[in-house]
N, C-alpha and C. Protein backbone atom coordinates (compact mmCIF):
# COMPACT_ATOMS: atom_id res chain seq x y z
N UNK A 1 20.50 -12.49 -40.61
CA UNK A 1 20.58 -12.08 -39.81
C UNK A 1 19.93 -12.05 -38.97
N UNK A 2 18.75 -12.49 -39.49
CA UNK A 2 17.52 -12.40 -38.46
C UNK A 2 17.53 -13.23 -37.47
N UNK A 3 18.15 -14.81 -38.16
CA UNK A 3 18.23 -16.22 -37.54
C UNK A 3 19.47 -15.39 -36.32
N UNK A 4 20.22 -14.86 -36.69
CA UNK A 4 21.41 -14.48 -35.68
C UNK A 4 20.92 -13.51 -34.71
N UNK A 5 19.37 -13.15 -35.38
CA UNK A 5 18.62 -12.21 -34.15
C UNK A 5 18.67 -12.77 -33.03
N UNK A 6 17.13 -13.53 -33.38
CA UNK A 6 16.67 -14.66 -32.74
C UNK A 6 17.27 -15.75 -31.56
N UNK A 7 18.56 -16.38 -32.28
CA UNK A 7 19.67 -17.24 -31.80
C UNK A 7 20.17 -16.24 -30.44
N UNK A 8 20.67 -14.97 -30.51
CA UNK A 8 21.50 -14.33 -29.52
C UNK A 8 20.93 -13.52 -28.73
N UNK A 9 19.09 -13.93 -28.13
CA UNK A 9 18.44 -12.52 -27.46
C UNK A 9 19.19 -11.65 -26.45
N UNK A 10 18.95 -10.27 -26.69
CA UNK A 10 20.02 -9.18 -26.26
C UNK A 10 19.21 -8.95 -24.86
N UNK A 11 20.44 -8.74 -23.74
CA UNK A 11 19.72 -7.91 -22.23
C UNK A 11 19.88 -6.90 -22.12
N UNK A 12 18.76 -6.49 -22.00
CA UNK A 12 18.49 -4.61 -21.55
C UNK A 12 18.63 -4.80 -20.51
N UNK A 13 19.37 -3.25 -20.33
CA UNK A 13 19.51 -2.63 -19.03
C UNK A 13 19.05 -1.90 -19.38
N UNK A 14 18.24 -0.64 -18.55
CA UNK A 14 17.89 0.17 -18.85
C UNK A 14 17.97 1.12 -17.66
N UNK A 15 19.38 1.77 -17.51
CA UNK A 15 20.32 2.77 -16.51
C UNK A 15 19.95 4.02 -16.04
N UNK A 16 19.94 4.58 -15.40
CA UNK A 16 19.47 6.15 -14.93
C UNK A 16 21.02 7.09 -14.45
N UNK A 17 21.10 7.98 -15.32
CA UNK A 17 22.22 8.05 -14.07
C UNK A 17 21.92 9.45 -13.80
N UNK A 18 22.16 9.77 -12.54
CA UNK A 18 22.44 10.89 -11.96
C UNK A 18 23.54 12.41 -12.20
N UNK A 19 22.96 13.29 -12.75
CA UNK A 19 23.96 14.16 -13.33
C UNK A 19 25.07 14.65 -12.24
N UNK A 20 24.58 14.28 -11.23
CA UNK A 20 25.82 14.70 -10.09
C UNK A 20 26.50 13.50 -9.58
N UNK A 21 26.61 12.92 -10.69
CA UNK A 21 27.48 11.37 -10.43
C UNK A 21 28.95 11.90 -11.44
N UNK A 22 29.62 12.15 -11.12
CA UNK A 22 31.33 11.53 -11.79
C UNK A 22 31.15 10.43 -12.97
N UNK A 23 31.68 10.66 -14.05
CA UNK A 23 31.59 9.52 -15.51
C UNK A 23 31.96 8.78 -14.89
N UNK A 24 33.53 9.10 -14.50
CA UNK A 24 34.79 8.06 -14.36
C UNK A 24 34.00 7.25 -13.13
N UNK A 25 33.42 7.64 -11.98
CA UNK A 25 32.75 6.92 -11.26
C UNK A 25 32.02 5.71 -11.85
N UNK A 26 30.91 6.74 -12.53
CA UNK A 26 30.11 5.67 -13.33
C UNK A 26 30.58 4.03 -13.79
N UNK A 27 31.47 4.56 -14.71
CA UNK A 27 31.75 2.85 -15.52
C UNK A 27 32.53 2.04 -14.23
N UNK A 28 33.02 2.76 -12.81
CA UNK A 28 33.54 2.14 -11.89
C UNK A 28 32.05 1.03 -11.16
N UNK A 29 31.15 2.08 -11.15
CA UNK A 29 29.93 1.18 -10.19
C UNK A 29 29.40 0.18 -11.43
N UNK A 30 29.63 0.27 -12.50
CA UNK A 30 29.23 -1.04 -13.45
C UNK A 30 30.08 -2.39 -14.13
N UNK A 31 30.96 -2.00 -13.60
CA UNK A 31 32.06 -2.81 -13.85
C UNK A 31 31.50 -4.78 -13.54
N UNK A 32 30.32 -4.99 -12.81
CA UNK A 32 29.94 -6.05 -12.65
C UNK A 32 29.19 -6.45 -13.73
N UNK A 33 28.72 -5.62 -14.26
CA UNK A 33 27.55 -5.87 -15.15
C UNK A 33 27.65 -5.79 -16.83
N UNK A 34 29.30 -4.73 -17.04
CA UNK A 34 29.23 -4.50 -18.46
C UNK A 34 30.16 -5.50 -19.53
N UNK A 35 29.96 -6.46 -18.59
CA UNK A 35 31.02 -7.63 -19.52
C UNK A 35 29.76 -8.50 -19.89
N UNK A 36 28.48 -8.39 -19.49
CA UNK A 36 27.83 -9.27 -19.77
C UNK A 36 27.56 -9.73 -21.07
N UNK A 37 27.27 -11.14 -21.11
CA UNK A 37 26.95 -11.16 -22.87
C UNK A 37 25.61 -10.99 -23.44
N UNK A 38 26.04 -10.50 -24.74
CA UNK A 38 24.83 -9.90 -25.25
C UNK A 38 24.09 -8.48 -24.49
N UNK A 39 24.81 -8.16 -23.54
CA UNK A 39 24.22 -6.85 -23.23
C UNK A 39 23.78 -5.61 -24.03
N UNK A 40 22.57 -5.52 -23.66
CA UNK A 40 22.18 -3.93 -24.29
C UNK A 40 22.10 -2.90 -23.94
N UNK A 41 22.79 -2.13 -23.31
CA UNK A 41 23.09 -1.01 -22.53
C UNK A 41 21.87 -0.03 -23.26
N UNK A 42 20.83 0.66 -21.88
CA UNK A 42 20.69 2.06 -22.17
C UNK A 42 20.81 2.65 -21.26
N UNK A 43 21.57 3.92 -21.47
CA UNK A 43 21.88 5.06 -20.44
C UNK A 43 21.32 6.19 -20.54
N UNK A 44 20.68 6.92 -19.57
CA UNK A 44 19.68 7.79 -19.97
C UNK A 44 20.42 9.24 -18.53
N UNK A 45 21.18 10.13 -18.84
CA UNK A 45 21.36 10.92 -17.62
C UNK A 45 20.13 12.38 -18.01
N UNK A 46 20.12 12.77 -16.19
CA UNK A 46 19.38 13.20 -16.31
C UNK A 46 19.28 13.69 -14.43
N UNK A 47 18.04 14.51 -13.97
CA UNK A 47 18.23 15.51 -12.59
C UNK A 47 17.95 14.14 -11.96
N UNK A 48 18.26 13.99 -11.18
CA UNK A 48 18.10 13.40 -9.97
C UNK A 48 16.87 12.72 -10.15
N UNK A 49 15.50 13.97 -9.51
CA UNK A 49 14.30 13.78 -9.27
C UNK A 49 13.82 12.93 -10.56
N UNK A 50 13.84 13.77 -11.04
CA UNK A 50 13.59 13.06 -13.08
C UNK A 50 13.63 11.67 -12.70
N UNK A 51 14.51 11.06 -12.82
CA UNK A 51 15.20 9.79 -12.82
C UNK A 51 14.28 8.92 -11.80
N UNK A 52 13.90 9.57 -10.78
CA UNK A 52 13.66 8.81 -9.74
C UNK A 52 11.46 8.59 -10.16
N UNK A 53 11.31 9.62 -11.07
CA UNK A 53 9.91 9.62 -11.86
C UNK A 53 9.73 8.86 -12.71
N UNK A 54 11.19 8.69 -13.29
CA UNK A 54 11.02 7.31 -14.23
C UNK A 54 11.22 5.93 -13.86
N UNK A 55 11.65 5.77 -12.87
CA UNK A 55 12.31 4.87 -12.44
C UNK A 55 10.65 4.05 -11.78
N UNK A 56 9.80 5.07 -11.06
CA UNK A 56 8.71 4.45 -10.49
C UNK A 56 7.84 4.10 -11.44
N UNK A 57 7.68 4.65 -12.68
CA UNK A 57 7.11 4.41 -13.73
C UNK A 57 7.47 3.18 -14.58
N UNK A 58 8.50 2.81 -13.90
CA UNK A 58 8.97 1.32 -14.42
C UNK A 58 10.15 1.63 -16.47
N UNK A 59 10.40 3.10 -16.70
CA UNK A 59 10.54 3.12 -18.00
C UNK A 59 12.52 2.83 -17.80
N UNK A 60 13.19 3.18 -16.26
CA UNK A 60 13.94 2.48 -15.78
C UNK A 60 14.40 1.18 -14.71
N UNK A 61 15.28 0.40 -15.07
CA UNK A 61 15.95 -0.02 -13.99
C UNK A 61 16.43 -0.32 -12.81
N UNK A 62 16.95 0.86 -13.16
CA UNK A 62 18.49 1.22 -12.01
C UNK A 62 18.16 2.79 -11.92
N UNK A 63 19.09 3.63 -10.85
CA UNK A 63 19.34 4.45 -10.89
C UNK A 63 20.25 4.71 -10.13
N UNK A 64 21.33 5.34 -10.98
CA UNK A 64 22.74 5.56 -9.98
C UNK A 64 22.69 7.29 -9.76
N UNK A 65 23.59 7.04 -8.38
CA UNK A 65 23.91 8.45 -7.96
C UNK A 65 24.44 8.82 -7.10
N UNK A 66 24.66 9.81 -6.74
CA UNK A 66 25.63 10.30 -5.43
C UNK A 66 25.21 10.83 -4.04
N UNK A 67 24.05 9.91 -3.78
CA UNK A 67 22.93 10.27 -2.82
C UNK A 67 21.58 9.06 -2.96
N UNK A 68 21.30 9.04 -1.88
CA UNK A 68 20.22 8.30 -2.22
C UNK A 68 18.93 8.58 -2.02
N UNK A 69 17.42 7.76 -2.52
CA UNK A 69 16.04 8.45 -2.75
C UNK A 69 15.75 9.12 -1.18
N UNK A 70 14.80 10.13 -1.21
CA UNK A 70 14.01 10.93 -0.28
C UNK A 70 13.04 9.48 -0.01
N UNK A 71 12.46 9.60 1.49
CA UNK A 71 11.59 9.04 1.65
C UNK A 71 10.23 9.44 1.09
N UNK A 72 10.15 8.87 0.30
CA UNK A 72 8.43 8.71 -0.93
C UNK A 72 7.48 7.67 -0.86
N UNK A 73 6.49 7.63 0.35
CA UNK A 73 5.94 6.07 0.06
C UNK A 73 5.00 5.98 -0.88
N UNK A 74 5.17 7.36 -1.58
CA UNK A 74 3.95 7.10 -3.03
C UNK A 74 5.26 6.05 -4.42
N UNK A 75 6.28 6.68 -4.25
CA UNK A 75 7.24 6.23 -4.95
C UNK A 75 7.73 4.66 -4.69
N UNK A 76 7.70 4.20 -3.79
CA UNK A 76 8.05 2.57 -3.30
C UNK A 76 9.43 2.62 -3.50
N UNK A 77 11.05 2.99 -3.11
CA UNK A 77 12.02 2.81 -4.47
C UNK A 77 12.63 2.86 -2.49
N UNK A 78 13.73 1.70 -3.37
CA UNK A 78 14.84 1.73 -2.44
C UNK A 78 16.83 2.07 -2.01
N UNK A 79 16.76 2.29 -1.58
CA UNK A 79 18.26 3.26 -2.16
C UNK A 79 19.05 1.59 -1.21
N UNK A 80 20.34 1.78 -2.11
CA UNK A 80 21.28 0.07 -1.78
C UNK A 80 22.68 1.28 -2.22
N UNK A 81 23.32 1.35 -0.80
CA UNK A 81 24.93 1.69 -0.94
C UNK A 81 25.77 1.27 -1.64
N UNK A 82 26.34 2.03 -2.68
CA UNK A 82 27.41 1.11 -3.80
C UNK A 82 28.94 1.08 -2.45
N UNK A 83 28.76 1.78 -1.66
CA UNK A 83 30.31 2.54 -0.67
C UNK A 83 30.32 3.93 -1.21
N UNK A 84 31.58 4.36 -1.23
CA UNK A 84 32.48 5.62 -0.98
C UNK A 84 33.32 6.29 -1.13
N UNK A 85 34.17 6.97 -1.65
CA UNK A 85 35.44 6.68 -1.96
C UNK A 85 35.50 8.78 -1.42
N UNK A 86 37.23 8.62 -0.42
CA UNK A 86 37.66 9.62 -0.30
C UNK A 86 38.05 10.54 -1.74
N UNK A 87 37.90 12.12 -0.93
CA UNK A 87 38.21 12.66 -2.16
C UNK A 87 39.51 13.52 -2.19
N UNK A 88 40.35 13.93 -3.06
CA UNK A 88 41.47 14.59 -3.08
C UNK A 88 41.30 15.86 -4.14
N UNK A 89 42.33 16.25 -4.10
CA UNK A 89 42.81 17.43 -5.18
C UNK A 89 43.46 16.93 -6.34
N UNK A 90 43.42 17.68 -7.06
CA UNK A 90 44.21 17.23 -8.38
C UNK A 90 44.54 18.89 -9.15
N UNK A 91 45.81 19.17 -9.95
CA UNK A 91 46.30 20.15 -10.46
C UNK A 91 46.89 19.79 -11.83
N UNK A 92 46.50 20.61 -13.18
CA UNK A 92 47.79 20.55 -14.49
C UNK A 92 49.02 20.67 -14.02
N UNK A 93 49.90 20.31 -14.90
CA UNK A 93 51.46 20.66 -14.39
C UNK A 93 51.78 22.21 -14.35
N UNK A 94 50.52 23.08 -14.84
CA UNK A 94 51.14 24.57 -14.95
C UNK A 94 50.67 25.14 -13.78
N UNK A 95 50.27 24.37 -13.10
CA UNK A 95 49.85 24.97 -11.48
C UNK A 95 49.89 23.85 -10.44
N UNK A 96 50.56 23.00 -10.65
CA UNK A 96 50.87 22.02 -9.50
C UNK A 96 52.07 22.83 -8.34
N UNK A 97 53.04 23.51 -8.76
CA UNK A 97 53.58 24.63 -8.43
C UNK A 97 53.53 25.02 -7.20
N UNK A 98 52.12 25.71 -7.73
CA UNK A 98 51.69 27.26 -6.69
C UNK A 98 51.06 25.97 -5.67
N UNK A 99 50.03 24.88 -6.22
CA UNK A 99 49.18 24.41 -5.56
C UNK A 99 50.02 23.40 -4.47
N UNK A 100 51.04 23.01 -4.74
CA UNK A 100 51.06 22.48 -3.57
C UNK A 100 52.10 23.07 -2.51
N UNK A 101 52.51 24.31 -2.65
CA UNK A 101 53.05 25.30 -1.96
C UNK A 101 52.01 25.52 -0.88
N UNK A 102 52.44 25.38 0.42
CA UNK A 102 51.60 25.47 1.59
C UNK A 102 49.90 25.55 1.23
N UNK A 103 49.84 23.86 0.90
CA UNK A 103 48.37 23.36 0.86
C UNK A 103 47.97 22.75 1.98
N UNK A 104 46.56 22.85 2.08
CA UNK A 104 45.51 23.28 1.75
C UNK A 104 45.44 24.61 1.75
N UNK A 105 46.10 26.21 1.77
CA UNK A 105 45.88 27.42 1.79
C UNK A 105 46.49 27.98 0.93
N UNK A 106 46.89 27.20 -0.22
CA UNK A 106 47.19 27.58 -1.48
C UNK A 106 45.93 27.65 -2.43
N UNK A 107 44.70 26.94 -1.85
CA UNK A 107 43.52 26.99 -2.83
C UNK A 107 42.85 28.78 -2.72
N UNK A 108 43.24 29.32 -2.02
CA UNK A 108 42.72 30.77 -2.15
C UNK A 108 43.82 31.79 -2.96
N UNK A 109 44.82 31.17 -3.12
CA UNK A 109 45.86 31.40 -4.62
C UNK A 109 45.30 30.76 -5.92
N UNK A 110 45.32 30.44 -5.45
CA UNK A 110 45.90 29.38 -7.25
C UNK A 110 44.32 29.18 -7.80
N UNK A 111 43.40 29.29 -9.04
CA UNK A 111 42.44 29.25 -9.66
C UNK A 111 41.68 28.12 -8.94
N UNK A 112 40.40 27.84 -8.97
CA UNK A 112 40.23 26.61 -8.28
C UNK A 112 38.60 26.13 -9.25
N UNK A 113 38.29 25.09 -9.29
CA UNK A 113 37.14 24.73 -10.13
C UNK A 113 36.55 23.80 -9.43
N UNK A 114 34.93 23.44 -9.22
CA UNK A 114 34.06 22.80 -8.42
C UNK A 114 32.58 22.30 -8.85
N UNK A 115 32.47 21.51 -8.54
CA UNK A 115 30.92 21.21 -9.01
C UNK A 115 30.25 22.04 -8.15
N UNK A 116 28.82 21.82 -9.01
CA UNK A 116 27.78 22.69 -8.64
C UNK A 116 26.75 22.01 -7.58
N UNK A 117 26.04 22.35 -7.15
CA UNK A 117 24.94 22.18 -6.15
C UNK A 117 24.54 20.97 -6.90
N UNK A 118 24.51 20.40 -7.77
CA UNK A 118 23.58 19.60 -8.75
C UNK A 118 24.42 18.04 -7.76
N UNK A 119 25.99 18.45 -7.69
CA UNK A 119 26.46 17.23 -6.47
C UNK A 119 26.57 16.94 -5.60
N UNK A 120 26.16 16.46 -4.98
CA UNK A 120 25.70 16.17 -3.68
C UNK A 120 27.87 16.43 -2.97
N UNK A 121 28.42 16.01 -3.23
CA UNK A 121 29.64 16.77 -2.98
C UNK A 121 30.00 17.43 -2.85
N UNK A 122 29.27 19.16 -3.57
CA UNK A 122 29.75 20.74 -3.51
C UNK A 122 29.35 20.65 -1.84
N UNK A 123 28.34 20.50 -1.41
CA UNK A 123 28.21 21.19 0.59
C UNK A 123 29.34 20.75 1.16
N UNK A 124 29.59 19.33 0.75
CA UNK A 124 31.03 19.04 1.77
C UNK A 124 32.20 19.65 1.26
N UNK A 125 32.23 19.98 0.37
CA UNK A 125 33.61 20.88 0.05
C UNK A 125 33.28 22.39 0.73
N UNK A 126 32.11 22.82 0.69
CA UNK A 126 31.90 23.99 1.36
C UNK A 126 32.27 24.27 2.68
N UNK A 127 31.64 23.27 3.28
CA UNK A 127 32.16 23.49 5.10
C UNK A 127 33.35 22.73 4.68
N UNK A 128 33.88 22.13 3.95
CA UNK A 128 35.48 22.14 4.10
C UNK A 128 36.54 23.24 3.80
N UNK A 129 36.11 23.94 3.21
CA UNK A 129 36.90 25.65 2.98
C UNK A 129 36.66 26.19 4.35
N UNK A 130 35.04 26.24 4.96
CA UNK A 130 34.97 27.09 6.05
C UNK A 130 35.81 26.37 7.09
N UNK A 131 35.92 24.92 7.43
CA UNK A 131 36.69 24.69 8.63
C UNK A 131 37.98 24.64 8.26
N UNK A 132 38.40 25.06 7.14
CA UNK A 132 40.03 25.28 6.94
C UNK A 132 40.49 27.03 7.03
N UNK A 133 39.20 27.39 7.25
CA UNK A 133 39.31 28.54 7.15
C UNK A 133 40.14 29.45 5.60
N UNK A 134 39.84 28.41 4.30
CA UNK A 134 39.84 29.05 3.09
C UNK A 134 39.14 30.07 2.20
N UNK A 135 39.14 30.78 1.76
CA UNK A 135 38.15 31.19 0.86
C UNK A 135 38.57 30.62 -0.90
N UNK A 136 38.09 30.15 -1.26
CA UNK A 136 38.84 29.77 -2.40
C UNK A 136 38.46 30.54 -3.45
N UNK A 137 39.62 31.18 -4.07
CA UNK A 137 39.37 31.83 -5.58
C UNK A 137 38.59 30.66 -6.80
N UNK A 138 37.33 30.60 -6.89
CA UNK A 138 36.50 30.29 -7.75
C UNK A 138 36.45 30.33 -9.14
N UNK A 139 37.20 29.83 -10.50
CA UNK A 139 36.97 30.82 -11.82
C UNK A 139 36.34 29.93 -12.37
N UNK A 140 35.23 28.68 -11.65
CA UNK A 140 34.47 28.27 -12.68
C UNK A 140 33.83 27.08 -11.81
N UNK A 141 32.46 26.79 -11.92
CA UNK A 141 31.86 25.67 -10.98
C UNK A 141 30.91 24.94 -12.79
N UNK A 142 31.08 23.57 -12.32
CA UNK A 142 30.58 22.99 -13.70
C UNK A 142 29.41 21.44 -13.28
N UNK A 143 28.26 21.67 -13.75
CA UNK A 143 27.15 20.64 -13.93
C UNK A 143 27.81 19.45 -13.99
N UNK A 144 28.64 19.46 -15.54
CA UNK A 144 29.33 18.08 -15.47
C UNK A 144 30.62 17.36 -15.24
N UNK A 145 30.65 17.04 -14.65
CA UNK A 145 31.87 16.63 -14.44
C UNK A 145 32.93 16.47 -15.14
N UNK A 146 32.76 15.73 -16.28
CA UNK A 146 34.23 15.51 -17.43
C UNK A 146 34.25 16.90 -17.91
N UNK A 147 33.49 17.69 -18.12
CA UNK A 147 34.09 19.22 -18.19
C UNK A 147 34.51 19.89 -16.95
N UNK A 148 34.58 19.99 -16.00
CA UNK A 148 35.61 20.07 -14.89
C UNK A 148 36.52 19.66 -15.36
N UNK A 149 36.96 18.36 -15.45
CA UNK A 149 38.23 17.59 -15.38
C UNK A 149 38.74 18.28 -16.74
N UNK A 150 38.13 18.13 -17.92
CA UNK A 150 38.53 18.57 -18.95
C UNK A 150 39.35 19.97 -19.08
N UNK A 151 38.44 20.83 -18.70
CA UNK A 151 39.47 22.15 -17.93
C UNK A 151 40.14 22.57 -17.72
N UNK A 152 40.24 21.74 -16.29
CA UNK A 152 40.80 21.52 -15.15
C UNK A 152 42.40 21.14 -16.21
N UNK A 153 42.73 19.59 -17.04
CA UNK A 153 43.36 19.65 -17.16
C UNK A 153 44.07 20.01 -18.31
N UNK A 154 43.49 21.65 -18.98
CA UNK A 154 43.67 22.32 -20.15
C UNK A 154 44.45 23.22 -18.83
N UNK A 155 44.17 23.32 -17.94
CA UNK A 155 45.12 24.52 -17.66
C UNK A 155 44.20 25.48 -16.25
N UNK A 156 43.22 25.13 -16.87
CA UNK A 156 41.98 26.89 -16.15
C UNK A 156 41.73 26.71 -14.85
N UNK A 157 42.02 25.40 -13.72
CA UNK A 157 42.47 25.36 -12.80
C UNK A 157 42.36 23.79 -12.15
N UNK A 158 42.15 23.93 -10.78
CA UNK A 158 42.99 23.09 -9.44
C UNK A 158 41.00 22.74 -9.30
N UNK A 159 40.73 21.26 -9.21
CA UNK A 159 39.72 20.94 -9.22
C UNK A 159 39.91 19.43 -8.19
N UNK A 160 38.23 19.30 -7.36
CA UNK A 160 38.53 18.06 -6.46
C UNK A 160 37.91 16.77 -7.50
N UNK A 161 37.96 15.66 -7.02
CA UNK A 161 37.91 14.51 -7.67
C UNK A 161 38.41 13.31 -6.44
N UNK A 162 37.43 12.20 -7.08
CA UNK A 162 37.49 10.86 -5.72
C UNK A 162 38.42 10.06 -6.44
N UNK A 163 39.48 9.83 -4.98
CA UNK A 163 40.29 8.88 -5.19
C UNK A 163 40.05 7.77 -5.71
N UNK A 164 38.99 7.08 -5.91
CA UNK A 164 38.46 6.83 -6.49
C UNK A 164 39.34 5.98 -7.81
N UNK A 165 39.25 7.53 -8.77
CA UNK A 165 39.25 7.48 -10.36
C UNK A 165 40.73 7.89 -10.35
N UNK A 166 41.35 7.68 -9.15
CA UNK A 166 42.47 8.70 -9.11
C UNK A 166 43.70 8.26 -10.30
N UNK A 167 43.51 6.71 -10.72
CA UNK A 167 44.47 6.33 -11.91
C UNK A 167 44.40 7.04 -13.16
N UNK A 168 43.08 6.46 -13.73
CA UNK A 168 42.01 7.63 -14.84
C UNK A 168 42.66 8.80 -14.65
N UNK A 169 42.66 9.56 -13.94
CA UNK A 169 42.74 10.80 -14.28
C UNK A 169 43.74 11.35 -14.48
N UNK A 170 45.57 10.29 -13.87
CA UNK A 170 46.90 10.62 -14.16
C UNK A 170 46.89 10.64 -15.73
N UNK A 171 46.83 9.41 -15.98
CA UNK A 171 46.56 8.92 -17.12
C UNK A 171 45.46 9.13 -18.33
N UNK A 172 44.57 9.73 -18.24
CA UNK A 172 43.92 10.03 -19.48
C UNK A 172 43.78 11.58 -19.00
N UNK A 173 43.50 12.53 -17.99
CA UNK A 173 44.36 14.14 -18.10
C UNK A 173 45.41 14.18 -18.02
N UNK A 174 46.24 13.63 -17.69
CA UNK A 174 47.61 13.85 -17.19
C UNK A 174 48.01 15.53 -16.46
N UNK A 175 46.86 15.37 -15.14
CA UNK A 175 46.61 15.80 -13.79
C UNK A 175 47.52 14.93 -13.37
N UNK A 176 48.13 16.61 -11.68
CA UNK A 176 49.00 15.78 -10.73
C UNK A 176 47.98 15.68 -9.49
N UNK A 177 48.57 14.55 -8.92
CA UNK A 177 47.63 14.52 -7.66
C UNK A 177 48.32 15.71 -6.78
N UNK A 178 47.15 16.50 -5.55
CA UNK A 178 48.22 17.83 -4.69
C UNK A 178 47.63 17.37 -3.47
N UNK A 179 46.84 16.90 -2.85
CA UNK A 179 46.78 16.49 -1.59
C UNK A 179 45.20 16.26 -1.29
N UNK A 180 45.04 15.76 0.15
CA UNK A 180 43.66 14.86 0.03
C UNK A 180 42.74 15.87 0.29
N UNK A 181 41.58 15.86 0.75
CA UNK A 181 40.92 17.25 1.01
C UNK A 181 40.20 16.26 2.04
N UNK A 182 40.71 16.52 2.85
CA UNK A 182 40.47 16.05 4.36
C UNK A 182 39.63 15.86 4.86
N UNK A 183 38.58 14.43 5.28
CA UNK A 183 37.48 14.79 5.52
C UNK A 183 35.98 14.46 4.76
N UNK A 184 36.58 14.65 3.60
CA UNK A 184 35.29 15.00 2.34
C UNK A 184 35.29 13.54 1.85
N UNK A 185 33.97 12.99 1.78
CA UNK A 185 33.93 11.80 0.31
C UNK A 185 32.57 12.13 -0.49
N UNK A 186 32.92 10.95 -1.50
CA UNK A 186 31.71 11.43 -2.14
C UNK A 186 31.25 9.43 -2.31
N UNK A 187 29.58 9.21 -1.75
CA UNK A 187 28.64 8.60 -1.43
C UNK A 187 28.12 7.92 -2.63
N UNK A 188 27.90 6.73 -2.85
CA UNK A 188 27.46 6.29 -4.44
C UNK A 188 26.52 5.52 -3.80
N UNK A 189 24.98 5.54 -4.92
CA UNK A 189 24.14 4.24 -4.58
C UNK A 189 23.06 3.76 -5.75
N UNK A 190 22.69 2.58 -5.99
CA UNK A 190 21.07 2.31 -6.08
C UNK A 190 20.29 2.42 -6.06
N UNK A 191 19.52 2.81 -6.45
CA UNK A 191 17.91 2.83 -6.60
C UNK A 191 16.82 1.89 -7.51
N UNK A 192 16.51 1.13 -6.99
CA UNK A 192 15.57 0.64 -7.37
C UNK A 192 14.27 0.69 -7.02
N UNK A 193 13.39 0.22 -7.86
CA UNK A 193 11.79 -0.12 -7.28
C UNK A 193 11.88 -1.19 -6.25
N UNK A 194 10.58 -1.62 -5.49
CA UNK A 194 10.50 -2.73 -4.38
C UNK A 194 9.48 -3.55 -5.31
N UNK A 195 10.51 -4.46 -5.88
CA UNK A 195 9.66 -5.94 -7.05
C UNK A 195 9.95 -6.83 -6.40
N UNK A 196 8.98 -7.54 -6.56
CA UNK A 196 9.39 -9.19 -5.91
C UNK A 196 10.85 -9.62 -6.24
N UNK A 197 10.82 -8.93 -7.81
CA UNK A 197 11.82 -10.04 -8.97
C UNK A 197 12.40 -8.90 -9.57
N UNK A 198 13.35 -8.43 -9.17
CA UNK A 198 14.31 -7.62 -9.39
C UNK A 198 14.59 -8.01 -10.97
N UNK A 199 15.30 -7.05 -11.77
CA UNK A 199 16.59 -7.56 -12.95
C UNK A 199 17.52 -7.93 -12.47
N UNK A 200 17.87 -9.53 -13.26
CA UNK A 200 18.96 -9.84 -12.42
C UNK A 200 20.20 -8.93 -12.54
N UNK A 201 20.23 -8.21 -13.89
CA UNK A 201 21.37 -7.08 -13.72
C UNK A 201 21.60 -6.41 -12.86
N UNK A 202 20.33 -6.02 -12.12
CA UNK A 202 20.08 -4.56 -11.15
C UNK A 202 20.61 -5.32 -10.21
N UNK A 203 20.12 -6.71 -9.54
CA UNK A 203 20.85 -7.72 -8.69
C UNK A 203 21.92 -7.70 -8.14
N UNK A 204 22.78 -8.37 -9.65
CA UNK A 204 24.20 -8.92 -9.63
C UNK A 204 25.08 -7.08 -8.88
N UNK A 205 24.44 -5.62 -9.98
CA UNK A 205 25.00 -4.39 -9.14
C UNK A 205 24.88 -4.27 -7.61
N UNK A 206 23.48 -4.08 -7.21
CA UNK A 206 23.42 -4.17 -5.73
C UNK A 206 24.15 -5.11 -4.75
N UNK A 207 24.72 -6.51 -5.43
CA UNK A 207 25.74 -6.91 -4.52
C UNK A 207 27.09 -6.20 -4.73
N UNK A 208 27.36 -5.33 -5.73
CA UNK A 208 28.77 -5.20 -5.93
C UNK A 208 29.27 -3.80 -4.81
N UNK A 209 30.77 -4.02 -4.94
CA UNK A 209 30.66 -2.20 -4.39
C UNK A 209 32.16 -2.42 -4.53
N UNK A 210 32.25 -0.48 -4.74
CA UNK A 210 33.42 0.24 -5.42
C UNK A 210 34.49 -0.12 -4.52
N UNK A 211 35.89 -0.42 -4.57
CA UNK A 211 36.73 -0.19 -3.95
C UNK A 211 38.04 0.57 -4.30
């Protein structure tokens, strides 16, 4: 066992994942590195500001988030855009007909699940509701995106999610696409320290884009 361990050294990558970043999206963002041979992946989920502190102290190699890092001369971090995705509404089978009838005005009648303000997209959703003149019937708010989708799939309410993970949602959660949330997008960033030599897998992440 010792001989095997010496002969096949692992490649350690410590990734901070912002609690506002949807779990299914995180998997898409990391597709370019998870197939790396002998990868030892360490994922730590926390609030965005706390993760930036750990990154500045070199406890993490990179942070994935739904927003760019604020300008702070003391932290010396840079944010790299990994792309974006349009947002749509999804519903469990029990709510599909009601949600599709007179959409999007139907969102004032059917139960709606939303992310909390931990997610950057929440402010954009609130603005979208105002533009549409809709007062949504909010029955649940979730910090954890996986919980939001789980409760939505169980019939608790209609919920928004990135078009990027549409196929995963339809297959894993057995929900249905209701309609587009026009003008609303999620944005994705990789935040890294300003080092002369970056971790090679971080460099690989920075050159990848979601599609």
